[in-house]
Structure formats: structure tokens, C-alpha cells
């Protein structure tokens, strides 16, 4: 396992923190959905793309918000 260079990570994270976060409001949720849409447009299905893991993380954050805040549709 790699040792984490906290200083380097903090510098890199400061550039992303305004865009990648756990959404707590509808507005933050919409921001993440817009980010995911842009990532999908750029990456498509290319799992080797350098941003593919970021796209997956943003998707997980969106899914978590939806699980907690969006009621499931009742299918009859």
C-alpha cells in the first residue's frame, strides 16, 4: 500500500473540494448530477479513462443522496 503524502493530497483536494462532496441539499445534489453528466459526456464507457474512478465516486455520492432523500416509485 502506498504511503499517503498528506501535504500533496491536501493540495490536490483543495482544487476538487468545491466540486466533489457529499450532497446534503437539493442544490448540492443537482450540482453533482451536472458534474456526473459532464463526466459521462467526456468518459463514456472508457473504463481506462483517467477520470473513470472519479465518475464512479460521484455516482456513488448521488446514489447515496437518492437512497436517503428520493422516495421510491411505487410500481404496480
Protein backbone atom coordinates (compact mmCIF):
# COMPACT_ATOMS: atom_id res chain seq x y z
CA UNK A 1 0.00 0.00 0.00
CA UNK A 2 1.24 3.46 -0.86
CA UNK A 3 2.03 5.94 1.87
CA UNK A 4 -0.28 8.92 1.65
CA UNK A 5 1.50 12.23 1.23
CA UNK A 6 -0.97 14.35 3.20
CA UNK A 7 0.50 17.64 2.04
CA UNK A 8 0.30 16.67 -1.63
CA UNK A 9 -3.18 15.22 -1.15
CA UNK A 10 -4.41 18.37 0.62
CA UNK A 11 -3.15 20.49 -2.28
CA UNK A 12 -4.86 18.29 -4.87
CA UNK A 13 -8.07 18.07 -2.83
CA UNK A 14 -8.38 21.84 -2.50
CA UNK A 15 -8.86 22.01 -6.26
CA UNK A 16 -11.66 19.40 -6.14
CA UNK A 17 -13.43 20.11 -2.85
CA UNK A 18 -15.83 22.62 -4.42
CA UNK A 19 -16.97 20.05 -6.97
CA UNK A 20 -16.83 16.68 -5.21
CA UNK A 21 -18.62 16.45 -1.87
CA UNK A 22 -21.35 14.60 -0.01
CA UNK A 23 -24.59 16.35 -1.02
CA UNK A 24 -26.84 17.50 1.81
CA UNK A 25 -29.25 19.70 -0.12
CA UNK A 26 -31.22 19.51 -3.35
CA UNK A 27 -28.95 22.17 -4.85
CA UNK A 28 -25.80 20.22 -3.98
CA UNK A 29 -27.41 17.09 -5.42
CA UNK A 30 -28.15 18.93 -8.68
CA UNK A 31 -24.54 20.17 -8.82
CA UNK A 32 -23.27 16.60 -8.56
CA UNK A 33 -25.72 15.38 -11.19
CA UNK A 34 -24.45 18.10 -13.55
CA UNK A 35 -20.85 17.06 -12.81
CA UNK A 36 -21.71 13.42 -13.47
CA UNK A 37 -23.41 14.34 -16.75
CA UNK A 38 -20.25 16.16 -17.85
CA UNK A 39 -18.05 13.25 -16.84
CA UNK A 40 -20.26 10.80 -18.73
CA UNK A 41 -20.08 13.02 -21.83
CA UNK A 42 -16.26 13.05 -21.58
CA UNK A 43 -15.60 9.47 -20.50
CA UNK A 44 -18.45 7.46 -21.91
CA UNK A 45 -17.79 3.78 -21.21
CA UNK A 46 -13.99 4.04 -21.30
CA UNK A 47 -13.06 2.34 -18.02
CA UNK A 48 -9.37 3.11 -18.64
CA UNK A 49 -10.01 6.88 -18.80
CA UNK A 50 -8.07 8.74 -16.07
CA UNK A 51 -11.33 10.20 -14.69
CA UNK A 52 -13.32 6.94 -14.70
CA UNK A 53 -12.85 6.40 -10.95
CA UNK A 54 -13.98 9.99 -10.27
CA UNK A 55 -17.11 9.32 -12.31
CA UNK A 56 -17.76 6.22 -10.21
CA UNK A 57 -17.28 8.12 -6.93
CA UNK A 58 -19.64 10.90 -8.00
CA UNK A 59 -22.20 8.26 -8.99
CA UNK A 60 -21.96 6.66 -5.54
CA UNK A 61 -22.44 10.05 -3.84
CA UNK A 62 -25.54 10.70 -5.97
CA UNK A 63 -26.92 7.22 -5.27
CA UNK A 64 -26.44 7.71 -1.52
CA UNK A 65 -28.36 11.00 -1.63
CA UNK A 66 -31.17 9.44 -3.67
CA UNK A 67 -31.41 6.47 -1.29
CA UNK A 68 -31.86 8.86 1.64
CA UNK A 69 -33.96 11.64 0.06
CA UNK A 70 -35.82 10.45 -3.02
CA UNK A 71 -38.87 8.29 -2.40
CA UNK A 72 -39.04 5.09 -4.43
CA UNK A 73 -41.63 4.95 -7.15
CA UNK A 74 -44.42 2.51 -6.48
CA UNK A 75 -44.71 0.12 -9.42
CA UNK A 76 -47.98 -1.78 -9.77
